[in-house]
Amino acid sequence: MKRLFTLMICGTALAALSTSCQQCATCTTTSDDPATLGENMTEEVCARGRNYDDLIKIYERGAWTCTAN
């Protein structure tokens, strides 16, 4: 019984430590759409862990400039 209880505590602690905090960044670019040509566009990007990193890469590949908040 002690062994099972210890394993449950270790599993819970590991799960709590492995969840990453949500990170946010502000991404900006200048519009190249003829209807809004030259206007600055701003987007707030929030996610956790690898999802955050992937979103930032996608925005930066699209000529956006992202700064962490």
Protein backbone atom coordinates (compact mmCIF):
# COMPACT_ATOMS: atom_id res chain seq x y z
CA MET A 1 0.00 0.00 0.00
CA LYS A 2 2.86 2.39 0.83
CA ARG A 3 4.48 1.64 -2.50
CA LEU A 4 1.27 2.46 -4.41
CA PHE A 5 0.80 5.68 -2.44
CA THR A 6 4.42 6.70 -3.12
CA LEU A 7 4.02 6.00 -6.84
CA MET A 8 0.85 8.09 -6.95
CA ILE A 9 2.60 11.02 -5.24
CA CYS A 10 5.58 10.77 -7.61
CA GLY A 11 3.27 10.64 -10.63
CA THR A 12 1.33 13.68 -9.47
CA ALA A 13 4.53 15.64 -8.77
CA LEU A 14 5.95 14.74 -12.19
CA ALA A 15 2.76 15.83 -13.94
CA ALA A 16 2.73 19.13 -12.05
CA LEU A 17 6.36 19.86 -12.92
CA SER A 18 6.09 18.93 -16.58
CA THR A 19 3.29 21.37 -17.44
CA SER A 20 4.76 24.55 -18.83
CA CYS A 21 3.50 28.04 -18.16
CA GLN A 22 1.63 29.91 -20.82
CA GLN A 23 3.78 32.37 -22.73
CA CYS A 24 2.55 35.36 -24.70
CA ALA A 25 4.09 37.48 -27.44
CA THR A 26 2.97 40.44 -29.49
CA CYS A 27 3.53 40.03 -33.22
CA THR A 28 3.37 42.96 -35.65
CA THR A 29 3.65 43.44 -39.40
CA THR A 30 2.75 45.94 -42.08
CA SER A 31 -0.17 45.01 -44.31
CA ASP A 32 0.45 44.36 -47.99
CA ASP A 33 -3.26 43.94 -48.80
CA PRO A 34 -4.29 46.64 -51.33
CA ALA A 35 -7.34 47.56 -49.21
CA THR A 36 -5.24 48.22 -46.09
CA LEU A 37 -1.81 48.84 -47.61
CA GLY A 38 0.72 50.21 -45.13
CA GLU A 39 -1.38 49.71 -41.98
CA ASN A 40 0.30 48.08 -38.99
CA MET A 41 -1.31 44.85 -37.85
CA THR A 42 -0.80 43.49 -34.33
CA GLU A 43 -1.63 40.02 -33.05
CA GLU A 44 -1.37 38.65 -29.49
CA VAL A 45 -0.05 35.07 -29.49
CA CYS A 46 -0.39 32.94 -26.33
CA ALA A 47 0.39 29.24 -25.98
CA ARG A 48 2.40 26.74 -23.95
CA GLY A 49 5.66 24.94 -24.58
CA ARG A 50 6.30 23.71 -28.07
CA ASN A 51 2.99 25.11 -29.36
CA TYR A 52 4.24 28.59 -28.46
CA ASP A 53 7.57 28.01 -30.23
CA ASP A 54 5.82 26.69 -33.33
CA LEU A 55 3.40 29.63 -33.48
CA ILE A 56 6.24 32.13 -33.22
CA LYS A 57 8.13 30.36 -36.04
CA ILE A 58 5.02 30.46 -38.24
CA TYR A 59 4.50 34.18 -37.66
CA GLU A 60 8.19 34.98 -38.24
CA ARG A 61 8.21 32.99 -41.51
CA GLY A 62 5.31 35.19 -42.61
CA ALA A 63 7.41 38.37 -42.14
CA TRP A 64 5.94 39.23 -38.71
CA THR A 65 8.11 40.58 -35.88
CA CYS A 66 7.34 38.98 -32.51
CA THR A 67 8.41 40.21 -29.06
CA ALA A 68 7.80 38.27 -25.86
CA ASN A 69 5.56 39.92 -23.29
